[in-house]
Amino acid sequence: MNEKVDQGFKEILQDKIVLNIPGFQWSSHGRGANIYFVENQSITIIYAEMPAVKEYDVLVFGETKHINKRYYPNDQKVETIPTEERFRIQHLLVDWLASKGMRHDINVGK
């Protein structure tokens, strides 16, 4: 396992993400945040930050090139997410942010 992959597992552990609660979980780190998408004993980490502009509530690395790894903490396994699946997660993320009333900068479909 490489160092960047190890960091993902460390973040999941530090933020105490619960595997048996499906959906999105938010963990703030100062101006930064991790949005975790939990599904079927796997976790996808999506990075975000609080912006210095009034147009958005959150800046999210929500384009599909950033939604690319799925972590399986129980197995200490990581897999690359197929492109179609990335789009599905992106749409779920956009819907979740909208349900929270959060304005974001995600370029949907990219």
Protein backbone atom coordinates (compact mmCIF):
# COMPACT_ATOMS: atom_id res chain seq x y z
CA MET A 1 0.00 0.00 0.00
CA ASN A 2 1.42 3.40 -0.89
CA GLU A 3 1.64 6.42 1.43
CA LYS A 4 -1.29 8.31 -0.13
CA VAL A 5 -3.54 5.25 0.24
CA ASP A 6 -2.45 4.88 3.87
CA GLN A 7 -3.44 8.53 4.42
CA GLY A 8 -7.00 7.77 3.27
CA PHE A 9 -7.36 5.02 5.86
CA LYS A 10 -5.84 7.32 8.51
CA GLU A 11 -8.38 10.04 7.71
CA ILE A 12 -11.27 7.58 7.90
CA LEU A 13 -10.04 6.34 11.28
CA GLN A 14 -9.31 9.82 12.68
CA ASP A 15 -12.73 11.12 11.64
CA LYS A 16 -14.44 8.07 13.20
CA ILE A 17 -16.52 7.32 10.11
CA VAL A 18 -19.21 4.76 10.81
CA LEU A 19 -19.42 2.02 8.18
CA ASN A 20 -22.95 0.93 9.06
CA ILE A 21 -24.48 4.38 8.43
CA PRO A 22 -24.92 4.63 4.64
CA GLY A 23 -24.86 7.97 2.89
CA PHE A 24 -22.77 11.08 3.40
CA GLN A 25 -20.89 12.07 6.54
CA TRP A 26 -19.15 15.42 7.03
CA SER A 27 -16.00 16.05 9.04
CA SER A 28 -14.58 19.59 9.35
CA HIS A 29 -10.90 20.39 9.72
CA GLY A 30 -10.62 24.16 10.14
CA ARG A 31 -11.39 25.61 6.70
CA GLY A 32 -11.07 22.16 5.15
CA ALA A 33 -13.51 19.28 5.32
CA ASN A 34 -13.86 15.69 4.25
CA ILE A 35 -17.15 14.44 2.91
CA TYR A 36 -17.37 10.68 3.20
CA PHE A 37 -19.72 8.62 1.07
CA VAL A 38 -20.42 5.32 2.81
CA GLU A 39 -21.99 2.45 0.90
CA ASN A 40 -21.72 -1.35 1.13
CA GLN A 41 -18.87 -1.36 3.66
CA SER A 42 -16.86 1.04 1.49
CA ILE A 43 -15.97 4.70 1.88
CA THR A 44 -15.22 7.32 -0.76
CA ILE A 45 -13.45 10.46 0.44
CA ILE A 46 -14.40 13.77 -1.18
CA TYR A 47 -12.38 16.81 -0.16
CA ALA A 48 -13.90 20.25 0.43
CA GLU A 49 -13.06 23.63 1.88
CA MET A 50 -14.87 26.68 3.15
CA PRO A 51 -14.56 29.43 0.55
CA ALA A 52 -13.57 33.05 0.92
CA VAL A 53 -16.26 34.03 -1.60
CA LYS A 54 -19.90 34.71 -0.81
CA GLU A 55 -21.28 32.88 -3.88
CA TYR A 56 -20.62 29.45 -2.37
CA ASP A 57 -21.03 27.78 1.00
CA VAL A 58 -18.46 25.11 0.16
CA LEU A 59 -15.88 24.40 -2.52
CA VAL A 60 -15.90 20.69 -3.32
CA PHE A 61 -13.45 18.54 -5.24
CA GLY A 62 -16.55 16.86 -6.66
CA GLU A 63 -15.58 16.38 -10.27
CA THR A 64 -15.30 12.74 -11.27
CA LYS A 65 -11.50 12.89 -11.59
CA HIS A 66 -11.41 13.49 -7.81
CA ILE A 67 -14.07 10.90 -6.91
CA ASN A 68 -11.79 8.05 -7.86
CA LYS A 69 -10.98 5.79 -4.88
CA ARG A 70 -13.14 3.52 -2.76
CA TYR A 71 -11.70 2.37 0.57
CA TYR A 72 -12.68 -0.87 2.29
CA PRO A 73 -11.48 -0.38 5.90
CA ASN A 74 -12.34 -3.90 7.06
CA ASP A 75 -10.15 -5.44 4.34
CA GLN A 76 -7.60 -2.57 4.10
CA LYS A 77 -8.30 -2.64 0.36
CA VAL A 78 -8.62 0.22 -2.11
CA GLU A 79 -10.18 0.11 -5.56
CA THR A 80 -10.49 2.56 -8.41
CA ILE A 81 -14.08 3.59 -9.02
CA PRO A 82 -15.34 3.05 -12.60
CA THR A 83 -16.34 6.24 -14.46
CA GLU A 84 -20.11 5.53 -14.52
CA GLU A 85 -20.04 4.95 -10.78
CA ARG A 86 -18.21 8.24 -10.27
CA PHE A 87 -21.04 10.07 -12.04
CA ARG A 88 -23.62 8.31 -9.85
CA ILE A 89 -21.78 9.33 -6.67
CA GLN A 90 -21.39 12.89 -7.99
CA HIS A 91 -25.15 13.18 -8.55
CA LEU A 92 -25.87 11.80 -5.09
CA LEU A 93 -23.39 14.31 -3.64
CA VAL A 94 -25.03 17.24 -5.44
CA ASP A 95 -28.47 16.12 -4.24
CA TRP A 96 -27.15 15.75 -0.66
CA LEU A 97 -25.57 19.22 -0.70
CA ALA A 98 -28.84 20.67 -2.05
CA SER A 99 -30.79 18.94 0.74
CA LYS A 100 -28.48 20.72 3.22
CA GLY A 101 -29.01 24.06 1.44
CA MET A 102 -25.32 24.27 0.57
CA ARG A 103 -24.25 26.20 -2.52
CA HIS A 104 -21.26 24.52 -4.15
CA ASP A 105 -18.95 24.81 -7.13
CA ILE A 106 -19.22 21.25 -8.50
CA ASN A 107 -19.21 21.17 -12.29
CA VAL A 108 -21.77 18.38 -12.72
CA GLY A 109 -21.08 15.89 -15.47
CA LYS A 110 -17.33 16.46 -15.48
